[in-house]
Amino acid sequence: MTNIIFIIFAALLLGNISGLCGSVLPARSLSDERRAADTCADPSLTVVYVEAYSHASSLHLLQRRAYYIAQNTAANTAWEIQEEAFRAWKDPQNFTFPLYQLYDAPAGDWVPVLSTTGSAPVVAGYSTEILGYAYSTPVCGSMPLVALAQTTIGDRYFTTDPDERDMLVTSFGWVNQGIVAYVLPVDLD
Protein backbone atom coordinates (compact mmCIF):
# COMPACT_ATOMS: atom_id res chain seq x y z
CA MET A 1 0.00 0.00 0.00
CA THR A 2 2.87 2.34 0.81
CA ASN A 3 4.34 1.75 -2.70
CA ILE A 4 1.06 2.69 -4.39
CA ILE A 5 0.76 5.90 -2.38
CA PHE A 6 4.41 6.72 -3.18
CA ILE A 7 3.86 6.12 -6.93
CA ILE A 8 0.75 8.33 -6.97
CA PHE A 9 2.56 11.05 -4.99
CA ALA A 10 5.59 10.90 -7.34
CA ALA A 11 3.37 11.07 -10.44
CA LEU A 12 1.52 14.11 -9.10
CA LEU A 13 4.75 15.83 -8.10
CA LEU A 14 6.40 15.19 -11.48
CA GLY A 15 3.27 16.35 -13.29
CA ASN A 16 3.34 19.65 -11.39
CA ILE A 17 7.07 20.14 -11.99
CA SER A 18 6.79 19.49 -15.72
CA GLY A 19 3.74 21.79 -15.86
CA LEU A 20 5.72 24.58 -14.20
CA CYS A 21 8.78 24.06 -16.37
CA GLY A 22 6.67 23.88 -19.49
CA SER A 23 5.30 27.36 -18.87
CA VAL A 24 8.75 28.80 -18.07
CA LEU A 25 11.02 26.99 -20.50
CA PRO A 26 10.36 26.84 -24.25
CA ALA A 27 9.65 23.35 -25.56
CA ARG A 28 12.37 23.45 -28.22
CA SER A 29 15.33 21.29 -28.88
CA LEU A 30 18.40 21.53 -31.05
CA SER A 31 16.86 19.03 -33.44
CA ASP A 32 13.85 21.39 -33.90
CA GLU A 33 16.19 24.27 -34.76
CA ARG A 34 18.18 22.10 -37.16
CA ARG A 35 14.94 20.97 -38.80
CA ALA A 36 13.93 24.55 -39.53
CA ALA A 37 17.33 25.32 -41.05
CA ASP A 38 17.22 22.06 -42.98
CA THR A 39 13.74 22.60 -44.45
CA CYS A 40 13.25 26.36 -44.77
CA ALA A 41 14.69 28.81 -47.25
CA ASP A 42 16.30 31.90 -45.73
CA PRO A 43 13.50 34.46 -45.18
CA SER A 44 16.00 37.34 -45.14
CA LEU A 45 16.50 36.74 -48.89
CA THR A 46 12.84 37.30 -49.78
CA VAL A 47 11.51 40.30 -51.66
CA VAL A 48 8.09 41.91 -51.51
CA TYR A 49 5.63 41.28 -54.33
CA VAL A 50 2.85 43.78 -54.90
CA GLU A 51 -0.53 43.50 -56.53
CA ALA A 52 -1.60 46.16 -58.98
CA TYR A 53 -4.66 46.80 -61.10
CA SER A 54 -4.99 48.08 -64.65
CA HIS A 55 -8.26 49.91 -65.26
CA ALA A 56 -7.58 49.86 -69.01
CA SER A 57 -7.24 46.06 -69.07
CA SER A 58 -9.52 45.27 -66.11
CA LEU A 59 -6.97 42.94 -64.54
CA HIS A 60 -4.86 42.42 -61.44
CA LEU A 61 -1.23 41.40 -61.67
CA LEU A 62 1.42 40.23 -59.19
CA GLN A 63 4.95 41.54 -59.68
CA ARG A 64 7.72 43.35 -57.89
CA ARG A 65 7.26 47.10 -57.51
CA ALA A 66 10.03 47.97 -59.99
CA TYR A 67 8.08 46.24 -62.79
CA TYR A 68 5.13 48.61 -62.37
CA ILE A 69 7.35 51.66 -62.13
CA ALA A 70 9.08 50.70 -65.38
CA GLN A 71 5.77 49.90 -67.11
CA ASN A 72 4.14 53.14 -65.99
CA THR A 73 7.14 55.18 -67.16
CA ALA A 74 8.45 53.47 -70.29
CA ALA A 75 5.33 51.76 -71.63
CA ASN A 76 2.96 54.57 -70.60
CA THR A 77 0.62 52.16 -68.83
CA ALA A 78 -1.35 53.01 -65.73
CA TRP A 79 -0.85 50.28 -63.14
CA GLU A 80 -2.41 51.24 -59.82
CA ILE A 81 -0.47 49.59 -57.01
CA GLN A 82 -3.02 48.25 -54.53
CA GLU A 83 -1.04 46.44 -51.86
CA GLU A 84 2.12 44.74 -50.78
CA ALA A 85 0.81 41.20 -51.14
CA PHE A 86 3.46 38.77 -49.87
CA ARG A 87 7.14 37.84 -49.73
CA ALA A 88 8.83 35.22 -51.89
CA TRP A 89 12.28 34.64 -53.32
CA LYS A 90 13.42 36.17 -56.60
CA ASP A 91 16.11 33.49 -57.00
CA PRO A 92 15.96 29.71 -56.49
CA GLN A 93 16.38 28.58 -52.89
CA ASN A 94 16.52 25.16 -51.31
CA PHE A 95 13.00 23.88 -50.54
CA THR A 96 11.28 26.33 -52.93
CA PHE A 97 9.78 25.83 -56.37
CA PRO A 98 9.45 28.18 -59.35
CA LEU A 99 6.28 30.24 -59.46
CA TYR A 100 5.60 30.82 -63.14
CA GLN A 101 3.47 33.58 -64.56
CA LEU A 102 1.59 32.43 -67.65
CA TYR A 103 0.44 35.22 -69.94
CA ASP A 104 -2.01 35.25 -72.82
CA ALA A 105 -1.44 38.67 -74.46
CA PRO A 106 -4.55 38.77 -76.69
CA ALA A 107 -6.83 37.78 -73.81
CA GLY A 108 -4.95 39.84 -71.20
CA ASP A 109 -4.91 36.84 -68.89
CA TRP A 110 -2.20 36.34 -66.26
CA VAL A 111 -2.10 33.04 -64.36
CA PRO A 112 0.50 32.19 -61.70
CA VAL A 113 1.36 28.47 -61.52
CA LEU A 114 3.74 26.76 -59.10
CA SER A 115 5.79 24.00 -60.72
CA THR A 116 6.90 21.30 -58.30
CA THR A 117 8.83 19.61 -61.11
CA GLY A 118 10.80 22.75 -61.91
CA SER A 119 9.67 22.58 -65.54
CA ALA A 120 7.78 25.47 -67.07
CA PRO A 121 4.11 24.67 -67.58
CA VAL A 122 3.05 24.57 -71.21
CA VAL A 123 -0.38 25.94 -72.09
CA ALA A 124 -1.32 26.68 -75.71
CA GLY A 125 -1.44 30.42 -76.34
CA TYR A 126 0.37 31.36 -73.12
CA SER A 127 3.95 32.52 -72.71
CA THR A 128 5.75 31.83 -69.41
CA GLU A 129 8.17 33.65 -67.19
CA ILE A 130 9.33 32.98 -63.65
CA LEU A 131 7.69 35.34 -61.21
CA GLY A 132 9.63 34.07 -58.18
CA TYR A 133 10.07 31.05 -55.91
CA ALA A 134 7.72 29.82 -53.19
CA TYR A 135 6.84 26.79 -51.09
CA SER A 136 4.53 24.02 -52.29
CA THR A 137 3.25 23.18 -48.79
CA PRO A 138 2.43 25.18 -45.63
CA VAL A 139 5.86 25.16 -43.96
CA CYS A 140 8.21 27.60 -42.27
CA GLY A 141 5.62 30.23 -41.36
CA SER A 142 4.19 30.40 -44.88
CA MET A 143 0.58 31.07 -45.74
CA PRO A 144 -1.55 30.19 -48.76
CA LEU A 145 -1.70 32.54 -51.73
CA VAL A 146 -5.20 32.02 -53.13
CA ALA A 147 -6.41 32.87 -56.63
CA LEU A 148 -9.90 34.26 -57.10
CA ALA A 149 -11.61 34.83 -60.47
CA GLN A 150 -14.20 37.40 -61.45
CA THR A 151 -15.49 35.48 -64.45
CA THR A 152 -17.77 38.20 -65.83
CA ILE A 153 -14.84 40.41 -66.83
CA GLY A 154 -12.08 37.79 -66.79
CA ASP A 155 -10.09 39.23 -63.88
CA ARG A 156 -8.13 37.35 -61.23
CA TYR A 157 -7.24 38.58 -57.78
CA PHE A 158 -4.74 37.05 -55.37
CA THR A 159 -4.87 37.19 -51.59
CA THR A 160 -3.38 35.68 -48.47
CA ASP A 161 -6.21 37.02 -46.32
CA PRO A 162 -8.90 34.37 -45.63
CA ASP A 163 -11.48 37.00 -44.62
CA GLU A 164 -10.95 38.95 -47.85
CA ARG A 165 -11.17 35.70 -49.86
CA ASP A 166 -14.41 34.68 -48.15
CA MET A 167 -16.00 38.10 -48.58
CA LEU A 168 -15.17 38.28 -52.30
CA VAL A 169 -16.61 34.79 -52.83
CA THR A 170 -19.75 35.00 -50.67
CA SER A 171 -20.68 38.66 -51.13
CA PHE A 172 -19.39 39.61 -54.55
CA GLY A 173 -19.52 36.43 -56.65
CA TRP A 174 -15.82 35.81 -57.17
CA VAL A 175 -14.81 32.18 -57.69
CA ASN A 176 -12.19 30.60 -55.43
CA GLN A 177 -9.66 28.96 -57.77
CA GLY A 178 -7.61 27.50 -54.95
CA ILE A 179 -4.13 27.78 -53.54
CA VAL A 180 -1.43 28.87 -55.97
CA ALA A 181 1.56 28.57 -53.62
CA TYR A 182 2.65 29.13 -50.04
CA VAL A 183 4.36 32.47 -49.46
CA LEU A 184 5.64 34.47 -46.51
CA PRO A 185 3.82 37.42 -44.96
CA VAL A 186 4.95 40.93 -45.86
CA ASP A 187 5.86 41.61 -42.23
CA LEU A 188 8.27 38.94 -41.06
CA ASP A 189 8.21 40.08 -37.41
C-alpha atoms as a PDB file:
ATOM      1  CA  MET A   1       0.000   0.000   0.000  1.00  0.00           C
ATOM      2  CA  THR A   2       2.866   2.341   0.814  1.00  0.00           C
ATOM      3  CA  ASN A   3       4.335   1.752  -2.701  1.00  0.00           C
ATOM      4  CA  ILE A   4       1.061   2.692  -4.391  1.00  0.00           C
ATOM      5  CA  ILE A   5       0.761   5.902  -2.379  1.00  0.00           C
ATOM      6  CA  PHE A   6       4.411   6.717  -3.180  1.00  0.00           C
ATOM      7  CA  ILE A   7       3.858   6.120  -6.932  1.00  0.00           C
ATOM      8  CA  ILE A   8       0.746   8.333  -6.970  1.00  0.00           C
ATOM      9  CA  PHE A   9       2.557  11.053  -4.988  1.00  0.00           C
ATOM     10  CA  ALA A  10       5.586  10.900  -7.338  1.00  0.00           C
ATOM     11  CA  ALA A  11       3.366  11.071 -10.441  1.00  0.00           C
ATOM     12  CA  LEU A  12       1.516  14.108  -9.105  1.00  0.00           C
ATOM     13  CA  LEU A  13       4.747  15.830  -8.101  1.00  0.00           C
ATOM     14  CA  LEU A  14       6.399  15.185 -11.478  1.00  0.00           C
ATOM     15  CA  GLY A  15       3.269  16.352 -13.288  1.00  0.00           C
ATOM     16  CA  ASN A  16       3.341  19.650 -11.386  1.00  0.00           C
ATOM     17  CA  ILE A  17       7.070  20.138 -11.991  1.00  0.00           C
ATOM     18  CA  SER A  18       6.787  19.492 -15.722  1.00  0.00           C
ATOM     19  CA  GLY A  19       3.744  21.791 -15.861  1.00  0.00           C
ATOM     20  CA  LEU A  20       5.719  24.581 -14.198  1.00  0.00           C
ATOM     21  CA  CYS A  21       8.778  24.059 -16.368  1.00  0.00           C
ATOM     22  CA  GLY A  22       6.673  23.878 -19.489  1.00  0.00           C
ATOM     23  CA  SER A  23       5.302  27.358 -18.866  1.00  0.00           C
ATOM     24  CA  VAL A  24       8.746  28.801 -18.074  1.00  0.00           C
ATOM     25  CA  LEU A  25      11.021  26.989 -20.496  1.00  0.00           C
ATOM     26  CA  PRO A  26      10.365  26.838 -24.249  1.00  0.00           C
ATOM     27  CA  ALA A  27       9.648  23.346 -25.560  1.00  0.00           C
ATOM     28  CA  ARG A  28      12.368  23.451 -28.224  1.00  0.00           C
ATOM     29  CA  SER A  29      15.329  21.293 -28.883  1.00  0.00           C
ATOM     30  CA  LEU A  30      18.401  21.529 -31.052  1.00  0.00           C
ATOM     31  CA  SER A  31      16.856  19.030 -33.438  1.00  0.00           C
ATOM     32  CA  ASP A  32      13.850  21.390 -33.900  1.00  0.00           C
ATOM     33  CA  GLU A  33      16.189  24.273 -34.760  1.00  0.00           C
ATOM     34  CA  ARG A  34      18.181  22.098 -37.159  1.00  0.00           C
ATOM     35  CA  ARG A  35      14.941  20.967 -38.799  1.00  0.00           C
ATOM     36  CA  ALA A  36      13.931  24.553 -39.533  1.00  0.00           C
ATOM     37  CA  ALA A  37      17.327  25.318 -41.047  1.00  0.00           C
ATOM     38  CA  ASP A  38      17.219  22.056 -42.981  1.00  0.00           C
ATOM     39  CA  THR A  39      13.737  22.598 -44.453  1.00  0.00           C
ATOM     40  CA  CYS A  40      13.253  26.355 -44.768  1.00  0.00           C
ATOM     41  CA  ALA A  41      14.688  28.809 -47.246  1.00  0.00           C
ATOM     42  CA  ASP A  42      16.304  31.901 -45.726  1.00  0.00           C
ATOM     43  CA  PRO A  43      13.499  34.456 -45.181  1.00  0.00           C
ATOM     44  CA  SER A  44      15.997  37.337 -45.138  1.00  0.00           C
ATOM     45  CA  LEU A  45      16.501  36.744 -48.887  1.00  0.00           C
ATOM     46  CA  THR A  46      12.837  37.304 -49.782  1.00  0.00           C
ATOM     47  CA  VAL A  47      11.505  40.301 -51.657  1.00  0.00           C
ATOM     48  CA  VAL A  48       8.091  41.911 -51.513  1.00  0.00           C
ATOM     49  CA  TYR A  49       5.631  41.282 -54.332  1.00  0.00           C
ATOM     50  CA  VAL A  50       2.853  43.776 -54.901  1.00  0.00           C
ATOM     51  CA  GLU A  51      -0.528  43.499 -56.534  1.00  0.00           C
ATOM     52  CA  ALA A  52      -1.600  46.163 -58.983  1.00  0.00           C
ATOM     53  CA  TYR A  53      -4.664  46.803 -61.097  1.00  0.00           C
ATOM     54  CA  SER A  54      -4.989  48.077 -64.653  1.00  0.00           C
ATOM     55  CA  HIS A  55      -8.263  49.910 -65.263  1.00  0.00           C
ATOM     56  CA  ALA A  56      -7.581  49.855 -69.011  1.00  0.00           C
ATOM     57  CA  SER A  57      -7.240  46.059 -69.071  1.00  0.00           C
ATOM     58  CA  SER A  58      -9.520  45.268 -66.108  1.00  0.00           C
ATOM     59  CA  LEU A  59      -6.973  42.944 -64.538  1.00  0.00           C
ATOM     60  CA  HIS A  60      -4.864  42.424 -61.441  1.00  0.00           C
ATOM     61  CA  LEU A  61      -1.230  41.403 -61.666  1.00  0.00           C
ATOM     62  CA  LEU A  62       1.416  40.231 -59.188  1.00  0.00           C
ATOM     63  CA  GLN A  63       4.954  41.538 -59.683  1.00  0.00           C
ATOM     64  CA  ARG A  64       7.721  43.351 -57.892  1.00  0.00           C
ATOM     65  CA  ARG A  65       7.257  47.105 -57.509  1.00  0.00           C
ATOM     66  CA  ALA A  66      10.030  47.975 -59.993  1.00  0.00           C
ATOM     67  CA  TYR A  67       8.081  46.238 -62.788  1.00  0.00           C
ATOM     68  CA  TYR A  68       5.129  48.606 -62.368  1.00  0.00           C
ATOM     69  CA  ILE A  69       7.355  51.662 -62.131  1.00  0.00           C
ATOM     70  CA  ALA A  70       9.077  50.698 -65.380  1.00  0.00           C
ATOM     71  CA  GLN A  71       5.768  49.901 -67.111  1.00  0.00           C
ATOM     72  CA  ASN A  72       4.140  53.138 -65.995  1.00  0.00           C
ATOM     73  CA  THR A  73       7.141  55.182 -67.162  1.00  0.00           C
ATOM     74  CA  ALA A  74       8.448  53.465 -70.291  1.00  0.00           C
ATOM     75  CA  ALA A  75       5.335  51.761 -71.631  1.00  0.00           C
ATOM     76  CA  ASN A  76       2.957  54.566 -70.597  1.00  0.00           C
ATOM     77  CA  THR A  77       0.623  52.162 -68.829  1.00  0.00           C
ATOM     78  CA  ALA A  78      -1.346  53.007 -65.727  1.00  0.00           C
ATOM     79  CA  TRP A  79      -0.851  50.281 -63.137  1.00  0.00           C
ATOM     80  CA  GLU A  80      -2.413  51.239 -59.820  1.00  0.00           C
ATOM     81  CA  ILE A  81      -0.475  49.588 -57.006  1.00  0.00           C
ATOM     82  CA  GLN A  82      -3.016  48.245 -54.533  1.00  0.00           C
ATOM     83  CA  GLU A  83      -1.038  46.437 -51.858  1.00  0.00           C
ATOM     84  CA  GLU A  84       2.124  44.739 -50.778  1.00  0.00           C
ATOM     85  CA  ALA A  85       0.811  41.197 -51.139  1.00  0.00           C
ATOM     86  CA  PHE A  86       3.455  38.769 -49.874  1.00  0.00           C
ATOM     87  CA  ARG A  87       7.135  37.844 -49.732  1.00  0.00           C
ATOM     88  CA  ALA A  88       8.830  35.220 -51.890  1.00  0.00           C
ATOM     89  CA  TRP A  89      12.281  34.637 -53.321  1.00  0.00           C
ATOM     90  CA  LYS A  90      13.416  36.174 -56.604  1.00  0.00           C
ATOM     91  CA  ASP A  91      16.109  33.494 -57.000  1.00  0.00           C
ATOM     92  CA  PRO A  92      15.956  29.713 -56.494  1.00  0.00           C
ATOM     93  CA  GLN A  93      16.383  28.582 -52.887  1.00  0.00           C
ATOM     94  CA  ASN A  94      16.521  25.164 -51.306  1.00  0.00           C
ATOM     95  CA  PHE A  95      13.000  23.885 -50.539  1.00  0.00           C
ATOM     96  CA  THR A  96      11.282  26.333 -52.930  1.00  0.00           C
ATOM     97  CA  PHE A  97       9.776  25.832 -56.370  1.00  0.00           C
ATOM     98  CA  PRO A  98       9.449  28.178 -59.347  1.00  0.00           C
ATOM     99  CA  LEU A  99       6.284  30.243 -59.459  1.00  0.00           C
ATOM    100  CA  TYR A 100       5.598  30.818 -63.136  1.00  0.00           C
ATOM    101  CA  GLN A 101       3.465  33.581 -64.557  1.00  0.00           C
ATOM    102  CA  LEU A 102       1.594  32.428 -67.651  1.00  0.00           C
ATOM    103  CA  TYR A 103       0.440  35.225 -69.935  1.00  0.00           C
ATOM    104  CA  ASP A 104      -2.008  35.252 -72.822  1.00  0.00           C
ATOM    105  CA  ALA A 105      -1.439  38.665 -74.463  1.00  0.00           C
ATOM    106  CA  PRO A 106      -4.548  38.767 -76.690  1.00  0.00           C
ATOM    107  CA  ALA A 107      -6.832  37.782 -73.808  1.00  0.00           C
ATOM    108  CA  GLY A 108      -4.950  39.841 -71.197  1.00  0.00           C
ATOM    109  CA  ASP A 109      -4.907  36.837 -68.891  1.00  0.00           C
ATOM    110  CA  TRP A 110      -2.196  36.341 -66.262  1.00  0.00           C
ATOM    111  CA  VAL A 111      -2.104  33.044 -64.365  1.00  0.00           C
ATOM    112  CA  PRO A 112       0.501  32.190 -61.704  1.00  0.00           C
ATOM    113  CA  VAL A 113       1.358  28.466 -61.523  1.00  0.00           C
ATOM    114  CA  LEU A 114       3.739  26.756 -59.099  1.00  0.00           C
ATOM    115  CA  SER A 115       5.787  23.998 -60.725  1.00  0.00           C
ATOM    116  CA  THR A 116       6.896  21.303 -58.299  1.00  0.00           C
ATOM    117  CA  THR A 117       8.830  19.606 -61.114  1.00  0.00           C
ATOM    118  CA  GLY A 118      10.804  22.753 -61.911  1.00  0.00           C
ATOM    119  CA  SER A 119       9.673  22.585 -65.540  1.00  0.00           C
ATOM    120  CA  ALA A 120       7.785  25.470 -67.066  1.00  0.00           C
ATOM    121  CA  PRO A 121       4.108  24.666 -67.581  1.00  0.00           C
ATOM    122  CA  VAL A 122       3.048  24.568 -71.214  1.00  0.00           C
ATOM    123  CA  VAL A 123      -0.382  25.937 -72.085  1.00  0.00           C
ATOM    124  CA  ALA A 124      -1.325  26.677 -75.711  1.00  0.00           C
ATOM    125  CA  GLY A 125      -1.445  30.420 -76.338  1.00  0.00           C
ATOM    126  CA  TYR A 126       0.375  31.358 -73.124  1.00  0.00           C
ATOM    127  CA  SER A 127       3.949  32.516 -72.707  1.00  0.00           C
ATOM    128  CA  THR A 128       5.752  31.828 -69.414  1.00  0.00           C
ATOM    129  CA  GLU A 129       8.166  33.645 -67.185  1.00  0.00           C
ATOM    130  CA  ILE A 130       9.335  32.985 -63.653  1.00  0.00           C
ATOM    131  CA  LEU A 131       7.694  35.344 -61.207  1.00  0.00           C
ATOM    132  CA  GLY A 132       9.634  34.071 -58.178  1.00  0.00           C
ATOM    133  CA  TYR A 133      10.074  31.051 -55.907  1.00  0.00           C
ATOM    134  CA  ALA A 134       7.724  29.821 -53.190  1.00  0.00           C
ATOM    135  CA  TYR A 135       6.837  26.786 -51.094  1.00  0.00           C
ATOM    136  CA  SER A 136       4.527  24.024 -52.286  1.00  0.00           C
ATOM    137  CA  THR A 137       3.251  23.182 -48.793  1.00  0.00           C
ATOM    138  CA  PRO A 138       2.434  25.176 -45.635  1.00  0.00           C
ATOM    139  CA  VAL A 139       5.861  25.164 -43.961  1.00  0.00           C
ATOM    140  CA  CYS A 140       8.207  27.597 -42.272  1.00  0.00           C
ATOM    141  CA  GLY A 141       5.621  30.227 -41.359  1.00  0.00           C
ATOM    142  CA  SER A 142       4.195  30.395 -44.877  1.00  0.00           C
ATOM    143  CA  MET A 143       0.576  31.071 -45.743  1.00  0.00           C
ATOM    144  CA  PRO A 144      -1.550  30.186 -48.759  1.00  0.00           C
ATOM    145  CA  LEU A 145      -1.700  32.538 -51.734  1.00  0.00           C
ATOM    146  CA  VAL A 146      -5.199  32.018 -53.129  1.00  0.00           C
ATOM    147  CA  ALA A 147      -6.405  32.867 -56.630  1.00  0.00           C
ATOM    148  CA  LEU A 148      -9.902  34.257 -57.105  1.00  0.00           C
ATOM    149  CA  ALA A 149     -11.612  34.832 -60.468  1.00  0.00           C
ATOM    150  CA  GLN A 150     -14.200  37.403 -61.450  1.00  0.00           C
ATOM    151  CA  THR A 151     -15.490  35.479 -64.454  1.00  0.00           C
ATOM    152  CA  THR A 152     -17.774  38.201 -65.829  1.00  0.00           C
ATOM    153  CA  ILE A 153     -14.838  40.412 -66.835  1.00  0.00           C
ATOM    154  CA  GLY A 154     -12.075  37.792 -66.788  1.00  0.00           C
ATOM    155  CA  ASP A 155     -10.092  39.232 -63.879  1.00  0.00           C
ATOM    156  CA  ARG A 156      -8.135  37.349 -61.233  1.00  0.00           C
ATOM    157  CA  TYR A 157      -7.240  38.578 -57.777  1.00  0.00           C
ATOM    158  CA  PHE A 158      -4.737  37.050 -55.366  1.00  0.00           C
ATOM    159  CA  THR A 159      -4.871  37.185 -51.587  1.00  0.00           C
ATOM    160  CA  THR A 160      -3.376  35.676 -48.474  1.00  0.00           C
ATOM    161  CA  ASP A 161      -6.212  37.020 -46.322  1.00  0.00           C
ATOM    162  CA  PRO A 162      -8.896  34.369 -45.633  1.00  0.00           C
ATOM    163  CA  ASP A 163     -11.479  37.001 -44.624  1.00  0.00           C
ATOM    164  CA  GLU A 164     -10.950  38.946 -47.848  1.00  0.00           C
ATOM    165  CA  ARG A 165     -11.173  35.702 -49.863  1.00  0.00           C
ATOM    166  CA  ASP A 166     -14.410  34.676 -48.149  1.00  0.00           C
ATOM    167  CA  MET A 167     -15.999  38.100 -48.584  1.00  0.00           C
ATOM    168  CA  LEU A 168     -15.170  38.281 -52.296  1.00  0.00           C
ATOM    169  CA  VAL A 169     -16.606  34.790 -52.826  1.00  0.00           C
ATOM    170  CA  THR A 170     -19.748  34.999 -50.673  1.00  0.00           C
ATOM    171  CA  SER A 171     -20.677  38.665 -51.126  1.00  0.00           C
ATOM    172  CA  PHE A 172     -19.385  39.612 -54.551  1.00  0.00           C
ATOM    173  CA  GLY A 173     -19.524  36.433 -56.652  1.00  0.00           C
ATOM    174  CA  TRP A 174     -15.821  35.814 -57.170  1.00  0.00           C
ATOM    175  CA  VAL A 175     -14.811  32.178 -57.689  1.00  0.00           C
ATOM    176  CA  ASN A 176     -12.193  30.599 -55.433  1.00  0.00           C
ATOM    177  CA  GLN A 177      -9.660  28.958 -57.770  1.00  0.00           C
ATOM    178  CA  GLY A 178      -7.609  27.496 -54.946  1.00  0.00           C
ATOM    179  CA  ILE A 179      -4.129  27.783 -53.541  1.00  0.00           C
ATOM    180  CA  VAL A 180      -1.426  28.867 -55.975  1.00  0.00           C
ATOM    181  CA  ALA A 181       1.563  28.567 -53.623  1.00  0.00           C
ATOM    182  CA  TYR A 182       2.646  29.135 -50.043  1.00  0.00           C
ATOM    183  CA  VAL A 183       4.356  32.474 -49.456  1.00  0.00           C
ATOM    184  CA  LEU A 184       5.639  34.467 -46.505  1.00  0.00           C
ATOM    185  CA  PRO A 185       3.815  37.418 -44.957  1.00  0.00           C
ATOM    186  CA  VAL A 186       4.946  40.935 -45.860  1.00  0.00           C
ATOM    187  CA  ASP A 187       5.856  41.614 -42.225  1.00  0.00           C
ATOM    188  CA  LEU A 188       8.265  38.935 -41.059  1.00  0.00           C
ATOM    189  CA  ASP A 189       8.209  40.075 -37.414  1.00  0.00           C
END
